[in-house]
Amino acid sequence: MTTEKSSLERYKYDVLVIGAGGAGLRAAVEARESGLRVAIICKSLFGKAHTVMAEGGAAASMGNANSNDNWMVHFR
């Protein structure tokens, strides 16, 4: 058994953001720009969030595959 005392550092924040993906970082920026002290906690390396993988893709009516399906059809 050791008798060493462990030290504990305490920090005080106004906002704690869980997750460093796109939404979490946007929330942190908004809170900080409002003058609040912000801490961010993430489960991975900072900057390695999975927001890029959650993009899901995009669909657009370009008319290239079917000339009857273009942007004008959807705005009638």
N, C-alpha and C. Protein backbone atom coordinates (compact mmCIF):
# COMPACT_ATOMS: atom_id res chain seq x y z
N MET A 1 0.85 -1.18 0.00
CA MET A 1 0.00 0.00 0.00
C MET A 1 0.89 1.23 0.00
N THR A 2 0.56 2.18 -0.86
CA THR A 2 1.35 3.42 -0.91
C THR A 2 0.64 4.50 -0.10
N THR A 3 1.43 5.41 0.36
CA THR A 3 0.87 6.53 1.13
C THR A 3 0.98 7.84 0.37
N GLU A 4 1.24 7.74 -0.95
CA GLU A 4 1.34 8.94 -1.76
C GLU A 4 -0.01 9.63 -1.87
N LYS A 5 0.04 10.95 -1.83
CA LYS A 5 -1.18 11.71 -2.04
C LYS A 5 -1.32 11.97 -3.54
N SER A 6 -2.50 11.74 -4.03
CA SER A 6 -2.72 12.05 -5.45
C SER A 6 -3.28 13.46 -5.55
N SER A 7 -2.87 14.12 -6.60
CA SER A 7 -3.38 15.48 -6.80
C SER A 7 -4.53 15.45 -7.79
N LEU A 8 -5.47 16.29 -7.57
CA LEU A 8 -6.65 16.37 -8.41
C LEU A 8 -6.81 17.80 -8.88
N GLU A 9 -6.82 17.98 -10.20
CA GLU A 9 -7.01 19.31 -10.75
C GLU A 9 -8.49 19.51 -11.04
N ARG A 10 -9.00 20.65 -10.66
CA ARG A 10 -10.40 20.96 -10.91
C ARG A 10 -10.48 22.13 -11.88
N TYR A 11 -11.44 22.04 -12.78
CA TYR A 11 -11.67 23.09 -13.75
C TYR A 11 -13.14 23.49 -13.66
N LYS A 12 -13.41 24.73 -13.96
CA LYS A 12 -14.78 25.22 -13.92
C LYS A 12 -15.15 25.79 -15.30
N TYR A 13 -16.26 25.30 -15.84
CA TYR A 13 -16.74 25.73 -17.15
C TYR A 13 -18.22 26.07 -17.05
N ASP A 14 -18.66 26.89 -17.97
CA ASP A 14 -20.09 27.20 -18.06
C ASP A 14 -20.82 26.17 -18.91
N VAL A 15 -20.12 25.64 -19.91
CA VAL A 15 -20.73 24.69 -20.86
C VAL A 15 -19.78 23.52 -21.05
N LEU A 16 -20.34 22.31 -21.01
CA LEU A 16 -19.59 21.10 -21.32
C LEU A 16 -20.23 20.48 -22.55
N VAL A 17 -19.47 20.40 -23.64
CA VAL A 17 -19.97 19.84 -24.89
C VAL A 17 -19.47 18.40 -25.00
N ILE A 18 -20.39 17.47 -25.18
CA ILE A 18 -20.04 16.06 -25.34
C ILE A 18 -20.06 15.76 -26.84
N GLY A 19 -18.90 15.47 -27.40
CA GLY A 19 -18.80 15.16 -28.82
C GLY A 19 -18.15 16.28 -29.59
N ALA A 20 -17.16 15.94 -30.40
CA ALA A 20 -16.41 16.94 -31.16
C ALA A 20 -16.66 16.82 -32.66
N GLY A 21 -17.86 16.36 -33.01
CA GLY A 21 -18.24 16.33 -34.42
C GLY A 21 -18.71 17.71 -34.84
N GLY A 22 -19.33 17.77 -36.00
CA GLY A 22 -19.78 19.06 -36.53
C GLY A 22 -20.72 19.80 -35.60
N ALA A 23 -21.72 19.11 -35.07
CA ALA A 23 -22.70 19.76 -34.19
C ALA A 23 -22.07 20.17 -32.87
N GLY A 24 -21.24 19.31 -32.31
CA GLY A 24 -20.60 19.63 -31.04
C GLY A 24 -19.67 20.83 -31.15
N LEU A 25 -18.88 20.86 -32.20
CA LEU A 25 -17.96 21.99 -32.38
C LEU A 25 -18.73 23.27 -32.67
N ARG A 26 -19.82 23.17 -33.42
CA ARG A 26 -20.62 24.37 -33.69
C ARG A 26 -21.23 24.90 -32.40
N ALA A 27 -21.71 24.00 -31.54
CA ALA A 27 -22.26 24.41 -30.25
C ALA A 27 -21.19 25.07 -29.39
N ALA A 28 -19.99 24.51 -29.41
CA ALA A 28 -18.89 25.08 -28.63
C ALA A 28 -18.52 26.47 -29.12
N VAL A 29 -18.48 26.65 -30.42
CA VAL A 29 -18.15 27.97 -30.99
C VAL A 29 -19.21 28.99 -30.58
N GLU A 30 -20.47 28.61 -30.70
CA GLU A 30 -21.56 29.53 -30.35
C GLU A 30 -21.51 29.92 -28.88
N ALA A 31 -21.28 28.93 -28.02
CA ALA A 31 -21.20 29.21 -26.58
C ALA A 31 -20.02 30.12 -26.27
N ARG A 32 -18.89 29.85 -26.89
CA ARG A 32 -17.70 30.67 -26.63
C ARG A 32 -17.89 32.09 -27.14
N GLU A 33 -18.50 32.23 -28.31
CA GLU A 33 -18.76 33.57 -28.84
C GLU A 33 -19.76 34.35 -27.99
N SER A 34 -20.52 33.62 -27.16
CA SER A 34 -21.45 34.27 -26.23
C SER A 34 -20.76 34.63 -24.92
N GLY A 35 -19.45 34.36 -24.85
CA GLY A 35 -18.68 34.73 -23.67
C GLY A 35 -18.61 33.67 -22.59
N LEU A 36 -19.04 32.46 -22.89
CA LEU A 36 -19.02 31.38 -21.90
C LEU A 36 -17.71 30.59 -21.98
N ARG A 37 -17.34 30.01 -20.84
CA ARG A 37 -16.16 29.13 -20.79
C ARG A 37 -16.63 27.73 -21.21
N VAL A 38 -15.94 27.14 -22.18
CA VAL A 38 -16.41 25.90 -22.80
C VAL A 38 -15.35 24.81 -22.70
N ALA A 39 -15.80 23.60 -22.38
CA ALA A 39 -14.95 22.41 -22.44
C ALA A 39 -15.59 21.42 -23.41
N ILE A 40 -14.76 20.70 -24.15
CA ILE A 40 -15.24 19.70 -25.11
C ILE A 40 -14.66 18.35 -24.73
N ILE A 41 -15.52 17.34 -24.69
CA ILE A 41 -15.08 15.97 -24.42
C ILE A 41 -15.41 15.13 -25.65
N CYS A 42 -14.43 14.37 -26.13
CA CYS A 42 -14.69 13.47 -27.26
C CYS A 42 -14.05 12.12 -26.98
N LYS A 43 -14.61 11.09 -27.59
CA LYS A 43 -14.13 9.73 -27.33
C LYS A 43 -12.96 9.33 -28.22
N SER A 44 -12.69 10.11 -29.23
CA SER A 44 -11.62 9.80 -30.17
C SER A 44 -10.59 10.92 -30.13
N LEU A 45 -9.67 10.88 -31.04
CA LEU A 45 -8.70 11.96 -31.16
C LEU A 45 -9.40 13.21 -31.66
N PHE A 46 -9.02 14.35 -31.14
CA PHE A 46 -9.65 15.60 -31.55
C PHE A 46 -9.45 15.78 -33.05
N GLY A 47 -10.50 16.08 -33.76
CA GLY A 47 -10.44 16.23 -35.21
C GLY A 47 -10.71 14.94 -35.97
N LYS A 48 -11.00 13.86 -35.27
CA LYS A 48 -11.25 12.57 -35.91
C LYS A 48 -12.70 12.11 -35.72
N ALA A 49 -13.62 13.06 -35.60
CA ALA A 49 -15.04 12.71 -35.42
C ALA A 49 -15.59 12.09 -36.70
N HIS A 50 -16.76 11.51 -36.61
CA HIS A 50 -17.33 10.78 -37.73
C HIS A 50 -18.38 11.57 -38.51
N THR A 51 -18.41 12.88 -38.35
CA THR A 51 -19.38 13.70 -39.08
C THR A 51 -19.27 13.47 -40.58
N VAL A 52 -18.08 13.34 -41.09
CA VAL A 52 -17.88 13.15 -42.52
C VAL A 52 -18.53 11.85 -43.00
N MET A 53 -18.61 10.84 -42.13
CA MET A 53 -19.22 9.57 -42.51
C MET A 53 -20.74 9.61 -42.40
N ALA A 54 -21.30 10.57 -41.68
CA ALA A 54 -22.74 10.66 -41.48
C ALA A 54 -23.41 11.54 -42.53
N GLU A 55 -22.69 11.95 -43.50
CA GLU A 55 -23.19 12.88 -44.52
C GLU A 55 -24.37 12.29 -45.28
N GLY A 56 -24.34 11.04 -45.59
CA GLY A 56 -25.48 10.37 -46.20
C GLY A 56 -25.66 10.54 -47.69
N GLY A 57 -24.96 11.42 -48.31
CA GLY A 57 -25.09 11.62 -49.74
C GLY A 57 -26.08 12.71 -50.09
N ALA A 58 -26.19 13.00 -51.35
CA ALA A 58 -27.10 14.04 -51.82
C ALA A 58 -27.74 13.58 -53.12
N ALA A 59 -28.96 14.01 -53.34
CA ALA A 59 -29.66 13.67 -54.57
C ALA A 59 -30.01 14.96 -55.29
N ALA A 60 -29.85 14.96 -56.58
CA ALA A 60 -30.19 16.13 -57.38
C ALA A 60 -30.75 15.68 -58.72
N SER A 61 -31.75 16.38 -59.19
CA SER A 61 -32.33 16.10 -60.50
C SER A 61 -31.55 16.88 -61.55
N MET A 62 -30.64 16.19 -62.20
CA MET A 62 -29.76 16.85 -63.16
C MET A 62 -30.21 16.66 -64.61
N GLY A 63 -31.02 15.65 -64.86
CA GLY A 63 -31.44 15.38 -66.22
C GLY A 63 -30.42 14.58 -67.02
N ASN A 64 -29.34 14.18 -66.42
CA ASN A 64 -28.30 13.45 -67.15
C ASN A 64 -28.65 11.97 -67.36
N ALA A 65 -29.37 11.36 -66.42
CA ALA A 65 -29.74 9.96 -66.56
C ALA A 65 -31.11 9.82 -67.23
N ASN A 66 -31.99 10.77 -66.98
CA ASN A 66 -33.33 10.75 -67.56
C ASN A 66 -33.69 12.18 -67.91
N SER A 67 -33.83 12.46 -69.16
CA SER A 67 -34.07 13.84 -69.59
C SER A 67 -35.41 14.38 -69.08
N ASN A 68 -36.33 13.48 -68.70
CA ASN A 68 -37.61 13.92 -68.14
C ASN A 68 -37.53 14.24 -66.65
N ASP A 69 -36.41 13.98 -66.04
CA ASP A 69 -36.23 14.26 -64.61
C ASP A 69 -35.14 15.32 -64.45
N ASN A 70 -35.56 16.55 -64.36
CA ASN A 70 -34.61 17.64 -64.16
C ASN A 70 -35.19 18.59 -63.12
N TRP A 71 -34.47 19.62 -62.79
CA TRP A 71 -34.89 20.51 -61.70
C TRP A 71 -36.20 21.22 -62.02
N MET A 72 -36.49 21.46 -63.30
CA MET A 72 -37.73 22.17 -63.67
C MET A 72 -38.97 21.35 -63.36
N VAL A 73 -38.85 20.01 -63.43
CA VAL A 73 -39.98 19.13 -63.13
C VAL A 73 -40.42 19.31 -61.68
N HIS A 74 -39.49 19.55 -60.79
CA HIS A 74 -39.79 19.63 -59.35
C HIS A 74 -40.24 21.02 -58.91
N PHE A 75 -40.22 21.99 -59.80
CA PHE A 75 -40.64 23.35 -59.46
C PHE A 75 -41.85 23.81 -60.27
N ARG A 76 -42.66 22.86 -60.74
CA ARG A 76 -43.88 23.21 -61.49
C ARG A 76 -44.95 23.67 -60.54
